Amino acid sequence: RIAAITFTNKAAAEMRERAKHLIGKAAKDVVVCTFHALGVRMLR
């Protein structure tokens, strides 16, 4: 239920990796993506 929105795929990947180190397996369930990727999910 947590979404972290970034502006580039690179920033999203870095944030996902940092979150993984901090909170472990739960990080994979956090929605970490760009505005555009979130838009794709909503439209799909």
All heavy atoms as atom14 arrays in JSON, in Angstrom:
{
  "sequence": "RIAAITFTNKAAAEMRERAKHLIGKAAKDVVVCTFHALGVRMLR",
  "atom14_mask": [
    [1, 1, 1, 1, 1, 1, 1, 1, 1, 1, 1, 0, 0, 0],
    [1, 1, 1, 1, 1, 1, 1, 1, 0, 0, 0, 0, 0, 0],
    [1, 1, 1, 1, 1, 0, 0, 0, 0, 0, 0, 0, 0, 0],
    [1, 1, 1, 1, 1, 0, 0, 0, 0, 0, 0, 0, 0, 0],
    [1, 1, 1, 1, 1, 1, 1, 1, 0, 0, 0, 0, 0, 0],
    [1, 1, 1, 1, 1, 1, 1, 0, 0, 0, 0, 0, 0, 0],
    [1, 1, 1, 1, 1, 1, 1, 1, 1, 1, 1, 0, 0, 0],
    [1, 1, 1, 1, 1, 1, 1, 0, 0, 0, 0, 0, 0, 0],
    [1, 1, 1, 1, 1, 1, 1, 1, 0, 0, 0, 0, 0, 0],
    [1, 1, 1, 1, 1, 1, 1, 1, 1, 0, 0, 0, 0, 0],
    [1, 1, 1, 1, 1, 0, 0, 0, 0, 0, 0, 0, 0, 0],
    [1, 1, 1, 1, 1, 0, 0, 0, 0, 0, 0, 0, 0, 0],
    [1, 1, 1, 1, 1, 0, 0, 0, 0, 0, 0, 0, 0, 0],
    [1, 1, 1, 1, 1, 1, 1, 1, 1, 0, 0, 0, 0, 0],
    [1, 1, 1, 1, 1, 1, 1, 1, 0, 0, 0, 0, 0, 0],
    [1, 1, 1, 1, 1, 1, 1, 1, 1, 1, 1, 0, 0, 0],
    [1, 1, 1, 1, 1, 1, 1, 1, 1, 0, 0, 0, 0, 0],
    [1, 1, 1, 1, 1, 1, 1, 1, 1, 1, 1, 0, 0, 0],
    [1, 1, 1, 1, 1, 0, 0, 0, 0, 0, 0, 0, 0, 0],
    [1, 1, 1, 1, 1, 1, 1, 1, 1, 0, 0, 0, 0, 0],
    [1, 1, 1, 1, 1, 1, 1, 1, 1, 1, 0, 0, 0, 0],
    [1, 1, 1, 1, 1, 1, 1, 1, 0, 0, 0, 0, 0, 0],
    [1, 1, 1, 1, 1, 1, 1, 1, 0, 0, 0, 0, 0, 0],
    [1, 1, 1, 1, 0, 0, 0, 0, 0, 0, 0, 0, 0, 0],
    [1, 1, 1, 1, 1, 1, 1, 1, 1, 0, 0, 0, 0, 0],
    [1, 1, 1, 1, 1, 0, 0, 0, 0, 0, 0, 0, 0, 0],
    [1, 1, 1, 1, 1, 0, 0, 0, 0, 0, 0, 0, 0, 0],
    [1, 1, 1, 1, 1, 1, 1, 1, 1, 0, 0, 0, 0, 0],
    [1, 1, 1, 1, 1, 1, 1, 1, 0, 0, 0, 0, 0, 0],
    [1, 1, 1, 1, 1, 1, 1, 0, 0, 0, 0, 0, 0, 0],
    [1, 1, 1, 1, 1, 1, 1, 0, 0, 0, 0, 0, 0, 0],
    [1, 1, 1, 1, 1, 1, 1, 0, 0, 0, 0, 0, 0, 0],
    [1, 1, 1, 1, 1, 1, 0, 0, 0, 0, 0, 0, 0, 0],
    [1, 1, 1, 1, 1, 1, 1, 0, 0, 0, 0, 0, 0, 0],
    [1, 1, 1, 1, 1, 1, 1, 1, 1, 1, 1, 0, 0, 0],
    [1, 1, 1, 1, 1, 1, 1, 1, 1, 1, 0, 0, 0, 0],
    [1, 1, 1, 1, 1, 0, 0, 0, 0, 0, 0, 0, 0, 0],
    [1, 1, 1, 1, 1, 1, 1, 1, 0, 0, 0, 0, 0, 0],
    [1, 1, 1, 1, 0, 0, 0, 0, 0, 0, 0, 0, 0, 0],
    [1, 1, 1, 1, 1, 1, 1, 0, 0, 0, 0, 0, 0, 0],
    [1, 1, 1, 1, 1, 1, 1, 1, 1, 1, 1, 0, 0, 0],
    [1, 1, 1, 1, 1, 1, 1, 1, 0, 0, 0, 0, 0, 0],
    [1, 1, 1, 1, 1, 1, 1, 1, 0, 0, 0, 0, 0, 0],
    [1, 1, 1, 1, 1, 1, 1, 1, 1, 1, 1, 0, 0, 0]
  ],
  "atom14_positions": [
    [[0.82, -1.21, 0.0], [0.0, 0.0, 0.0], [0.86, 1.27, 0.0], [0.35, 2.37, 0.13], [-0.95, 0.01, 1.21], [-2.0, -1.1, 1.18], [-3.11, -0.83, 2.17], [-3.84, 0.39, 1.82], [-4.27, 1.29, 2.7], [-4.01, 1.11, 4.0], [-4.93, 2.36, 2.3], [0.0, 0.0, 0.0], [0.0, 0.0, 0.0], [0.0, 0.0, 0.0]],
    [[2.18, 1.09, -0.14], [3.1, 2.23, -0.18], [3.62, 2.38, -1.6], [4.09, 1.42, -2.21], [4.28, 2.01, 0.79], [3.76, 1.79, 2.22], [5.25, 3.19, 0.74], [4.84, 1.31, 3.18], [0.0, 0.0, 0.0], [0.0, 0.0, 0.0], [0.0, 0.0, 0.0], [0.0, 0.0, 0.0], [0.0, 0.0, 0.0], [0.0, 0.0, 0.0]],
    [[3.55, 3.59, -2.13], [4.09, 3.87, -3.47], [5.15, 4.95, -3.37], [4.92, 6.0, -2.77], [2.98, 4.32, -4.41], [0.0, 0.0, 0.0], [0.0, 0.0, 0.0], [0.0, 0.0, 0.0], [0.0, 0.0, 0.0], [0.0, 0.0, 0.0], [0.0, 0.0, 0.0], [0.0, 0.0, 0.0], [0.0, 0.0, 0.0], [0.0, 0.0, 0.0]],
    [[6.31, 4.68, -3.95], [7.38, 5.67, -4.04], [7.59, 5.97, -5.52], [7.97, 5.08, -6.29], [8.67, 5.14, -3.41], [0.0, 0.0, 0.0], [0.0, 0.0, 0.0], [0.0, 0.0, 0.0], [0.0, 0.0, 0.0], [0.0, 0.0, 0.0], [0.0, 0.0, 0.0], [0.0, 0.0, 0.0], [0.0, 0.0, 0.0], [0.0, 0.0, 0.0]],
    [[7.31, 7.2, -5.92], [7.33, 7.57, -7.34], [8.58, 8.39, -7.63], [8.86, 9.39, -6.97], [6.07, 8.37, -7.72], [4.81, 7.58, -7.36], [6.07, 8.71, -9.2], [3.51, 8.33, -7.57], [0.0, 0.0, 0.0], [0.0, 0.0, 0.0], [0.0, 0.0, 0.0], [0.0, 0.0, 0.0], [0.0, 0.0, 0.0], [0.0, 0.0, 0.0]],
    [[9.34, 7.96, -8.65], [10.57, 8.64, -9.05], [10.41, 9.16, -10.48], [9.38, 8.96, -11.11], [11.76, 7.67, -8.98], [11.6, 6.67, -10.0], [11.86, 7.0, -7.63], [0.0, 0.0, 0.0], [0.0, 0.0, 0.0], [0.0, 0.0, 0.0], [0.0, 0.0, 0.0], [0.0, 0.0, 0.0], [0.0, 0.0, 0.0], [0.0, 0.0, 0.0]],
    [[11.48, 9.78, -11.0], [11.39, 10.31, -12.36], [12.18, 9.5, -13.38], [12.01, 9.69, -14.58], [11.84, 11.78, -12.38], [10.69, 12.71, -12.14], [10.24, 12.93, -10.86], [10.03, 13.32, -13.18], [9.16, 13.75, -10.62], [8.94, 14.14, -12.96], [8.51, 14.36, -11.68], [0.0, 0.0, 0.0], [0.0, 0.0, 0.0], [0.0, 0.0, 0.0]],
    [[13.06, 8.62, -12.94], [13.83, 7.8, -13.87], [13.86, 6.36, -13.41], [13.73, 6.06, -12.22], [15.29, 8.3, -14.01], [15.96, 8.11, -12.74], [15.35, 9.77, -14.41], [0.0, 0.0, 0.0], [0.0, 0.0, 0.0], [0.0, 0.0, 0.0], [0.0, 0.0, 0.0], [0.0, 0.0, 0.0], [0.0, 0.0, 0.0], [0.0, 0.0, 0.0]],
    [[14.03, 5.45, -14.37], [14.17, 4.03, -14.02], [15.38, 3.81, -13.13], [15.37, 2.97, -12.22], [14.31, 3.19, -15.3], [13.04, 3.19, -16.12], [11.95, 3.15, -15.57], [13.17, 3.25, -17.43], [0.0, 0.0, 0.0], [0.0, 0.0, 0.0], [0.0, 0.0, 0.0], [0.0, 0.0, 0.0], [0.0, 0.0, 0.0], [0.0, 0.0, 0.0]],
    [[16.46, 4.57, -13.4], [17.69, 4.43, -12.62], [17.43, 4.79, -11.14], [17.86, 4.08, -10.23], [18.79, 5.32, -13.2], [20.12, 5.21, -12.5], [21.15, 6.11, -13.16], [22.48, 6.06, -12.42], [23.48, 6.97, -13.01], [0.0, 0.0, 0.0], [0.0, 0.0, 0.0], [0.0, 0.0, 0.0], [0.0, 0.0, 0.0], [0.0, 0.0, 0.0]],
    [[16.71, 5.9, -10.93], [16.4, 6.32, -9.55], [15.51, 5.29, -8.87], [15.68, 5.0, -7.67], [15.73, 7.69, -9.57], [0.0, 0.0, 0.0], [0.0, 0.0, 0.0], [0.0, 0.0, 0.0], [0.0, 0.0, 0.0], [0.0, 0.0, 0.0], [0.0, 0.0, 0.0], [0.0, 0.0, 0.0], [0.0, 0.0, 0.0], [0.0, 0.0, 0.0]],
    [[14.56, 4.72, -9.62], [13.68, 3.71, -9.04], [14.48, 2.47, -8.63], [14.26, 1.9, -7.56], [12.58, 3.33, -10.05], [0.0, 0.0, 0.0], [0.0, 0.0, 0.0], [0.0, 0.0, 0.0], [0.0, 0.0, 0.0], [0.0, 0.0, 0.0], [0.0, 0.0, 0.0], [0.0, 0.0, 0.0], [0.0, 0.0, 0.0], [0.0, 0.0, 0.0]],
    [[15.42, 2.06, -9.51], [16.23, 0.87, -9.2], [17.09, 1.11, -7.96], [17.23, 0.22, -7.11], [17.11, 0.53, -10.41], [0.0, 0.0, 0.0], [0.0, 0.0, 0.0], [0.0, 0.0, 0.0], [0.0, 0.0, 0.0], [0.0, 0.0, 0.0], [0.0, 0.0, 0.0], [0.0, 0.0, 0.0], [0.0, 0.0, 0.0], [0.0, 0.0, 0.0]],
    [[17.68, 2.33, -7.86], [18.51, 2.64, -6.7], [17.68, 2.63, -5.42], [18.09, 2.08, -4.39], [19.18, 4.01, -6.87], [20.07, 4.39, -5.69], [20.53, 5.85, -5.73], [20.31, 6.52, -6.75], [21.09, 6.3, -4.72], [0.0, 0.0, 0.0], [0.0, 0.0, 0.0], [0.0, 0.0, 0.0], [0.0, 0.0, 0.0], [0.0, 0.0, 0.0]],
    [[16.49, 3.23, -5.49], [15.64, 3.29, -4.3], [15.18, 1.89, -3.9], [15.13, 1.55, -2.71], [14.44, 4.19, -4.57], [13.67, 4.55, -3.32], [12.41, 5.79, -3.66], [13.43, 7.2, -4.09], [0.0, 0.0, 0.0], [0.0, 0.0, 0.0], [0.0, 0.0, 0.0], [0.0, 0.0, 0.0], [0.0, 0.0, 0.0], [0.0, 0.0, 0.0]],
    [[14.85, 1.06, -4.89], [14.42, -0.31, -4.6], [15.54, -1.08, -3.9], [15.31, -1.82, -2.94], [14.03, -0.99, -5.91], [13.07, -2.15, -5.76], [12.63, -2.67, -7.11], [11.74, -1.76, -7.81], [12.04, -1.16, -8.95], [13.19, -1.37, -9.53], [11.17, -0.35, -9.51], [0.0, 0.0, 0.0], [0.0, 0.0, 0.0], [0.0, 0.0, 0.0]],
    [[16.78, -0.89, -4.38], [17.92, -1.6, -3.79], [18.18, -1.11, -2.37], [18.46, -1.9, -1.47], [19.16, -1.37, -4.68], [20.35, -2.24, -4.34], [20.09, -3.72, -4.5], [19.24, -4.1, -5.34], [20.73, -4.5, -3.77], [0.0, 0.0, 0.0], [0.0, 0.0, 0.0], [0.0, 0.0, 0.0], [0.0, 0.0, 0.0], [0.0, 0.0, 0.0]],
    [[18.1, 0.19, -2.15], [18.33, 0.75, -0.81], [17.25, 0.28, 0.16], [17.53, -0.02, 1.32], [18.35, 2.28, -0.88], [19.4, 2.84, -1.84], [20.64, 3.35, -1.2], [20.46, 4.36, -0.21], [20.68, 5.66, -0.4], [21.07, 6.1, -1.59], [20.57, 6.51, 0.58], [0.0, 0.0, 0.0], [0.0, 0.0, 0.0], [0.0, 0.0, 0.0]],
    [[16.01, 0.23, -0.32], [14.91, -0.24, 0.53], [15.1, -1.71, 0.88], [14.82, -2.14, 2.02], [13.57, -0.03, -0.18], [0.0, 0.0, 0.0], [0.0, 0.0, 0.0], [0.0, 0.0, 0.0], [0.0, 0.0, 0.0], [0.0, 0.0, 0.0], [0.0, 0.0, 0.0], [0.0, 0.0, 0.0], [0.0, 0.0, 0.0], [0.0, 0.0, 0.0]],
    [[15.59, -2.48, -0.08], [15.82, -3.91, 0.15], [16.84, -4.12, 1.26], [16.67, -4.97, 2.14], [16.31, -4.57, -1.15], [16.57, -6.06, -1.04], [17.06, -6.6, -2.39], [17.46, -8.06, -2.29], [17.99, -8.56, -3.59], [0.0, 0.0, 0.0], [0.0, 0.0, 0.0], [0.0, 0.0, 0.0], [0.0, 0.0, 0.0], [0.0, 0.0, 0.0]],
    [[17.91, -3.32, 1.28], [18.93, -3.43, 2.31], [18.37, -3.04, 3.68], [18.8, -3.56, 4.72], [20.14, -2.55, 1.98], [21.03, -3.14, 0.92], [21.66, -4.34, 1.07], [21.37, -2.68, -0.31], [22.37, -4.62, -0.02], [22.2, -3.62, -0.87], [0.0, 0.0, 0.0], [0.0, 0.0, 0.0], [0.0, 0.0, 0.0], [0.0, 0.0, 0.0]],
    [[17.39, -2.13, 3.67], [16.87, -1.6, 4.93], [15.76, -2.48, 5.52], [15.74, -2.73, 6.72], [16.34, -0.18, 4.7], [15.98, 0.64, 5.94], [17.22, 0.87, 6.8], [15.39, 1.98, 5.52], [0.0, 0.0, 0.0], [0.0, 0.0, 0.0], [0.0, 0.0, 0.0], [0.0, 0.0, 0.0], [0.0, 0.0, 0.0], [0.0, 0.0, 0.0]],
    [[14.85, -2.95, 4.65], [13.66, -3.66, 5.18], [13.56, -5.1, 4.7], [12.61, -5.8, 5.05], [12.36, -2.9, 4.84], [12.22, -2.71, 3.32], [12.31, -1.57, 5.53], [10.95, -1.98, 2.92], [0.0, 0.0, 0.0], [0.0, 0.0, 0.0], [0.0, 0.0, 0.0], [0.0, 0.0, 0.0], [0.0, 0.0, 0.0], [0.0, 0.0, 0.0]],
    [[14.52, -5.56, 3.89], [14.54, -6.97, 3.49], [13.47, -7.32, 2.46], [13.16, -6.53, 1.57], [0.0, 0.0, 0.0], [0.0, 0.0, 0.0], [0.0, 0.0, 0.0], [0.0, 0.0, 0.0], [0.0, 0.0, 0.0], [0.0, 0.0, 0.0], [0.0, 0.0, 0.0], [0.0, 0.0, 0.0], [0.0, 0.0, 0.0], [0.0, 0.0, 0.0]],
    [[12.87, -8.49, 2.62], [11.95, -9.03, 1.61], [10.73, -8.15, 1.38], [10.16, -8.15, 0.29], [11.5, -10.44, 2.03], [12.61, -11.48, 1.98], [12.08, -12.85, 2.37], [13.18, -13.9, 2.33], [12.69, -15.24, 2.74], [0.0, 0.0, 0.0], [0.0, 0.0, 0.0], [0.0, 0.0, 0.0], [0.0, 0.0, 0.0], [0.0, 0.0, 0.0]],
    [[10.3, -7.42, 2.4], [9.11, -6.58, 2.26], [9.28, -5.53, 1.16], [8.29, -5.04, 0.59], [8.79, -5.89, 3.59], [0.0, 0.0, 0.0], [0.0, 0.0, 0.0], [0.0, 0.0, 0.0], [0.0, 0.0, 0.0], [0.0, 0.0, 0.0], [0.0, 0.0, 0.0], [0.0, 0.0, 0.0], [0.0, 0.0, 0.0], [0.0, 0.0, 0.0]],
    [[10.54, -5.19, 0.83], [10.81, -4.15, -0.17], [10.22, -4.51, -1.53], [9.82, -3.63, -2.3], [12.31, -3.91, -0.29], [0.0, 0.0, 0.0], [0.0, 0.0, 0.0], [0.0, 0.0, 0.0], [0.0, 0.0, 0.0], [0.0, 0.0, 0.0], [0.0, 0.0, 0.0], [0.0, 0.0, 0.0], [0.0, 0.0, 0.0], [0.0, 0.0, 0.0]],
    [[10.16, -5.8, -1.85], [9.68, -6.2, -3.18], [8.19, -5.9, -3.36], [7.7, -5.8, -4.5], [9.96, -7.68, -3.45], [9.16, -8.65, -2.61], [9.53, -10.1, -2.95], [8.82, -11.09, -2.03], [7.36, -11.01, -2.09], [0.0, 0.0, 0.0], [0.0, 0.0, 0.0], [0.0, 0.0, 0.0], [0.0, 0.0, 0.0], [0.0, 0.0, 0.0]],
    [[7.46, -5.73, -2.25], [6.03, -5.44, -2.34], [5.73, -3.96, -2.42], [4.61, -3.56, -2.77], [5.3, -6.04, -1.13], [5.38, -7.56, -1.11], [5.35, -8.16, -2.2], [5.49, -8.13, 0.0], [0.0, 0.0, 0.0], [0.0, 0.0, 0.0], [0.0, 0.0, 0.0], [0.0, 0.0, 0.0], [0.0, 0.0, 0.0], [0.0, 0.0, 0.0]],
    [[6.71, -3.1, -2.07], [6.51, -1.66, -2.17], [6.47, -1.27, -3.66], [7.25, -1.77, -4.47], [7.65, -0.89, -1.47], [7.45, 0.62, -1.63], [7.71, -1.27, 0.0], [0.0, 0.0, 0.0], [0.0, 0.0, 0.0], [0.0, 0.0, 0.0], [0.0, 0.0, 0.0], [0.0, 0.0, 0.0], [0.0, 0.0, 0.0], [0.0, 0.0, 0.0]],
    [[5.52, -0.42, -4.02], [5.42, 0.04, -5.41], [6.45, 1.15, -5.61], [6.23, 2.29, -5.23], [4.0, 0.56, -5.72], [3.92, 1.01, -7.18], [2.96, -0.5, -5.41], [0.0, 0.0, 0.0], [0.0, 0.0, 0.0], [0.0, 0.0, 0.0], [0.0, 0.0, 0.0], [0.0, 0.0, 0.0], [0.0, 0.0, 0.0], [0.0, 0.0, 0.0]],
    [[7.61, 0.8, -6.18], [8.66, 1.78, -6.47], [8.77, 1.87, -7.99], [9.17, 0.92, -8.65], [10.02, 1.37, -5.86], [11.07, 2.44, -6.15], [9.9, 1.13, -4.37], [0.0, 0.0, 0.0], [0.0, 0.0, 0.0], [0.0, 0.0, 0.0], [0.0, 0.0, 0.0], [0.0, 0.0, 0.0], [0.0, 0.0, 0.0], [0.0, 0.0, 0.0]],
    [[8.38, 2.99, -8.55], [8.34, 3.1, -10.01], [8.32, 4.57, -10.42], [8.21, 5.46, -9.59], [7.1, 2.4, -10.56], [5.54, 3.13, -10.0], [0.0, 0.0, 0.0], [0.0, 0.0, 0.0], [0.0, 0.0, 0.0], [0.0, 0.0, 0.0], [0.0, 0.0, 0.0], [0.0, 0.0, 0.0], [0.0, 0.0, 0.0], [0.0, 0.0, 0.0]],
    [[8.43, 4.79, -11.72], [8.31, 6.15, -12.25], [6.83, 6.52, -12.39], [5.95, 5.66, -12.35], [8.97, 6.26, -13.64], [8.25, 5.38, -14.54], [10.43, 5.85, -13.59], [0.0, 0.0, 0.0], [0.0, 0.0, 0.0], [0.0, 0.0, 0.0], [0.0, 0.0, 0.0], [0.0, 0.0, 0.0], [0.0, 0.0, 0.0], [0.0, 0.0, 0.0]],
    [[6.57, 7.81, -12.58], [5.2, 8.26, -12.86], [4.64, 7.5, -14.06], [3.47, 7.09, -14.08], [5.19, 9.76, -13.16], [4.8, 10.62, -11.98], [5.75, 11.38, -11.32], [3.49, 10.68, -11.55], [5.4, 12.19, -10.24], [3.13, 11.47, -10.46], [4.08, 12.24, -9.81], [0.0, 0.0, 0.0], [0.0, 0.0, 0.0], [0.0, 0.0, 0.0]],
    [[5.48, 7.33, -15.08], [5.01, 6.68, -16.31], [4.7, 5.21, -16.08], [3.71, 4.68, -16.62], [6.04, 6.86, -17.42], [6.18, 8.27, -17.89], [7.09, 9.14, -17.34], [5.51, 8.97, -18.82], [6.98, 10.32, -17.93], [6.03, 10.25, -18.83], [0.0, 0.0, 0.0], [0.0, 0.0, 0.0], [0.0, 0.0, 0.0], [0.0, 0.0, 0.0]],
    [[5.53, 4.53, -15.3], [5.29, 3.11, -15.02], [4.0, 2.93, -14.22], [3.23, 1.98, -14.44], [6.47, 2.51, -14.27], [0.0, 0.0, 0.0], [0.0, 0.0, 0.0], [0.0, 0.0, 0.0], [0.0, 0.0, 0.0], [0.0, 0.0, 0.0], [0.0, 0.0, 0.0], [0.0, 0.0, 0.0], [0.0, 0.0, 0.0], [0.0, 0.0, 0.0]],
    [[3.75, 3.84, -13.27], [2.49, 3.78, -12.52], [1.32, 4.0, -13.47], [0.28, 3.33, -13.37], [2.48, 4.84, -11.41], [1.22, 4.87, -10.53], [1.06, 3.57, -9.77], [1.28, 6.05, -9.57], [0.0, 0.0, 0.0], [0.0, 0.0, 0.0], [0.0, 0.0, 0.0], [0.0, 0.0, 0.0], [0.0, 0.0, 0.0], [0.0, 0.0, 0.0]],
    [[1.49, 4.93, -14.41], [0.45, 5.18, -15.4], [0.15, 3.95, -16.23], [-1.02, 3.64, -16.52], [0.0, 0.0, 0.0], [0.0, 0.0, 0.0], [0.0, 0.0, 0.0], [0.0, 0.0, 0.0], [0.0, 0.0, 0.0], [0.0, 0.0, 0.0], [0.0, 0.0, 0.0], [0.0, 0.0, 0.0], [0.0, 0.0, 0.0], [0.0, 0.0, 0.0]],
    [[1.19, 3.22, -16.62], [0.99, 1.98, -17.39], [0.17, 0.99, -16.58], [-0.78, 0.38, -17.08], [2.36, 1.35, -17.78], [2.16, -0.04, -18.35], [3.08, 2.21, -18.79], [0.0, 0.0, 0.0], [0.0, 0.0, 0.0], [0.0, 0.0, 0.0], [0.0, 0.0, 0.0], [0.0, 0.0, 0.0], [0.0, 0.0, 0.0], [0.0, 0.0, 0.0]],
    [[0.54, 0.83, -15.31], [-0.19, -0.12, -14.45], [-1.67, 0.27, -14.35], [-2.56, -0.59, -14.44], [0.45, -0.17, -13.07], [-0.27, -1.1, -12.11], [0.43, -1.18, -10.76], [-0.45, -1.8, -9.77], [-0.13, -1.96, -8.49], [1.04, -1.56, -8.05], [-0.98, -2.53, -7.66], [0.0, 0.0, 0.0], [0.0, 0.0, 0.0], [0.0, 0.0, 0.0]],
    [[-1.93, 1.54, -14.15], [-3.32, 1.99, -14.02], [-4.1, 1.75, -15.31], [-5.25, 1.31, -15.28], [-3.35, 3.48, -13.65], [-2.77, 3.78, -12.27], [-2.68, 5.55, -11.91], [-4.43, 5.91, -11.74], [0.0, 0.0, 0.0], [0.0, 0.0, 0.0], [0.0, 0.0, 0.0], [0.0, 0.0, 0.0], [0.0, 0.0, 0.0], [0.0, 0.0, 0.0]],
    [[-3.46, 2.02, -16.45], [-4.16, 1.85, -17.72], [-4.34, 0.38, -18.08], [-5.34, -0.01, -18.68], [-3.39, 2.57, -18.83], [-3.39, 4.1, -18.74], [-2.5, 4.71, -19.82], [-4.81, 4.65, -18.85], [0.0, 0.0, 0.0], [0.0, 0.0, 0.0], [0.0, 0.0, 0.0], [0.0, 0.0, 0.0], [0.0, 0.0, 0.0], [0.0, 0.0, 0.0]],
    [[-3.37, -0.47, -17.71], [-3.52, -1.91, -17.96], [-4.7, -2.46, -17.14], [-5.45, -3.31, -17.61], [-2.25, -2.66, -17.58], [-1.02, -2.29, -18.4], [-0.75, -3.25, -19.52], [0.52, -2.94, -20.17], [0.69, -2.68, -21.45], [-0.36, -2.67, -22.25], [1.88, -2.42, -21.96], [0.0, 0.0, 0.0], [0.0, 0.0, 0.0], [0.0, 0.0, 0.0]]
  ]
}
